[in-house]
């Protein structure tokens, strides 16, 4: 896995998924980030890691309103 739970990483949100979560990629590994929009540059704390994706929460960033 390219990420571990608790790790903090800087990402750019590429798109928004069907459930409204922002989607970023780390080494082609998908990370879902609630409360973000495409184009946001944020620092994310990884909150969960599964086989094919991870979830994260924003620590700080330049989210668009």
C-alpha atoms as a PDB file:
ATOM      1  CA  UNK A   1       0.000   0.000   0.000  1.00  0.00           C
ATOM      2  CA  UNK A   2       1.362   3.437  -0.864  1.00  0.00           C
ATOM      3  CA  UNK A   3      -0.218   4.996   2.266  1.00  0.00           C
ATOM      4  CA  UNK A   4      -0.641   4.041   5.909  1.00  0.00           C
ATOM      5  CA  UNK A   5      -3.334   4.985   8.401  1.00  0.00           C
ATOM      6  CA  UNK A   6      -2.323   8.128  10.306  1.00  0.00           C
ATOM      7  CA  UNK A   7       0.058   9.303   7.574  1.00  0.00           C
ATOM      8  CA  UNK A   8      -0.248  12.939   6.444  1.00  0.00           C
ATOM      9  CA  UNK A   9       0.213  13.737   2.755  1.00  0.00           C
ATOM     10  CA  UNK A  10      -0.216  16.746   0.480  1.00  0.00           C
ATOM     11  CA  UNK A  11      -2.590  16.066  -2.417  1.00  0.00           C
ATOM     12  CA  UNK A  12      -4.538  17.831  -5.133  1.00  0.00           C
ATOM     13  CA  UNK A  13      -8.145  16.694  -5.475  1.00  0.00           C
ATOM     14  CA  UNK A  14      -8.649  15.545  -9.074  1.00  0.00           C
ATOM     15  CA  UNK A  15     -12.401  14.983  -9.172  1.00  0.00           C
ATOM     16  CA  UNK A  16     -15.522  14.374  -7.090  1.00  0.00           C
ATOM     17  CA  UNK A  17     -17.073  10.929  -6.707  1.00  0.00           C
ATOM     18  CA  UNK A  18     -20.722   9.884  -6.873  1.00  0.00           C
ATOM     19  CA  UNK A  19     -21.131  10.364  -3.116  1.00  0.00           C
ATOM     20  CA  UNK A  20     -19.666  13.865  -3.245  1.00  0.00           C
ATOM     21  CA  UNK A  21     -16.266  13.013  -1.794  1.00  0.00           C
ATOM     22  CA  UNK A  22     -13.157  14.470  -3.374  1.00  0.00           C
ATOM     23  CA  UNK A  23     -10.881  11.976  -5.097  1.00  0.00           C
ATOM     24  CA  UNK A  24      -7.101  12.252  -5.071  1.00  0.00           C
ATOM     25  CA  UNK A  25      -4.456   9.740  -6.101  1.00  0.00           C
ATOM     26  CA  UNK A  26      -1.189   8.848  -4.435  1.00  0.00           C
ATOM     27  CA  UNK A  27       0.934   6.699  -6.764  1.00  0.00           C
ATOM     28  CA  UNK A  28      -2.317   5.795  -8.595  1.00  0.00           C
ATOM     29  CA  UNK A  29      -3.909   4.700  -5.282  1.00  0.00           C
ATOM     30  CA  UNK A  30      -7.323   6.337  -4.799  1.00  0.00           C
ATOM     31  CA  UNK A  31      -7.965   8.416  -1.670  1.00  0.00           C
ATOM     32  CA  UNK A  32     -11.509   9.642  -0.907  1.00  0.00           C
ATOM     33  CA  UNK A  33     -11.624  12.956   0.983  1.00  0.00           C
ATOM     34  CA  UNK A  34     -15.033  14.218   2.188  1.00  0.00           C
ATOM     35  CA  UNK A  35     -15.695  17.958   2.040  1.00  0.00           C
ATOM     36  CA  UNK A  36     -13.328  18.723  -0.819  1.00  0.00           C
ATOM     37  CA  UNK A  37     -13.776  19.803  -4.426  1.00  0.00           C
ATOM     38  CA  UNK A  38     -11.848  19.227  -7.638  1.00  0.00           C
ATOM     39  CA  UNK A  39      -8.766  21.447  -7.691  1.00  0.00           C
ATOM     40  CA  UNK A  40      -8.404  21.736  -3.904  1.00  0.00           C
ATOM     41  CA  UNK A  41      -4.818  21.425  -2.643  1.00  0.00           C
ATOM     42  CA  UNK A  42      -4.947  19.985   0.854  1.00  0.00           C
ATOM     43  CA  UNK A  43      -2.935  18.185   3.501  1.00  0.00           C
ATOM     44  CA  UNK A  44      -4.782  14.985   4.342  1.00  0.00           C
ATOM     45  CA  UNK A  45      -4.500  12.568   7.261  1.00  0.00           C
ATOM     46  CA  UNK A  46      -5.215   9.014   6.110  1.00  0.00           C
ATOM     47  CA  UNK A  47      -8.030   7.639   8.284  1.00  0.00           C
ATOM     48  CA  UNK A  48      -8.528   4.222   6.708  1.00  0.00           C
ATOM     49  CA  UNK A  49      -6.823   1.948   4.198  1.00  0.00           C
ATOM     50  CA  UNK A  50      -8.522  -0.810   2.200  1.00  0.00           C
ATOM     51  CA  UNK A  51      -7.229  -3.057  -0.590  1.00  0.00           C
ATOM     52  CA  UNK A  52      -8.130  -0.695  -3.432  1.00  0.00           C
ATOM     53  CA  UNK A  53      -8.606   2.721  -1.794  1.00  0.00           C
ATOM     54  CA  UNK A  54      -8.056   4.856   1.284  1.00  0.00           C
ATOM     55  CA  UNK A  55     -10.061   7.512   3.098  1.00  0.00           C
ATOM     56  CA  UNK A  56      -8.717  10.712   4.558  1.00  0.00           C
ATOM     57  CA  UNK A  57      -9.635  13.928   6.315  1.00  0.00           C
ATOM     58  CA  UNK A  58      -8.371  17.423   5.638  1.00  0.00           C
ATOM     59  CA  UNK A  59      -5.738  18.676   8.068  1.00  0.00           C
ATOM     60  CA  UNK A  60      -5.293  22.007   6.291  1.00  0.00           C
ATOM     61  CA  UNK A  61      -5.545  23.325   2.786  1.00  0.00           C
ATOM     62  CA  UNK A  62      -6.743  25.784   0.195  1.00  0.00           C
ATOM     63  CA  UNK A  63     -10.278  24.453  -0.130  1.00  0.00           C
ATOM     64  CA  UNK A  64     -12.594  26.455  -2.335  1.00  0.00           C
ATOM     65  CA  UNK A  65     -15.762  27.663  -0.573  1.00  0.00           C
END
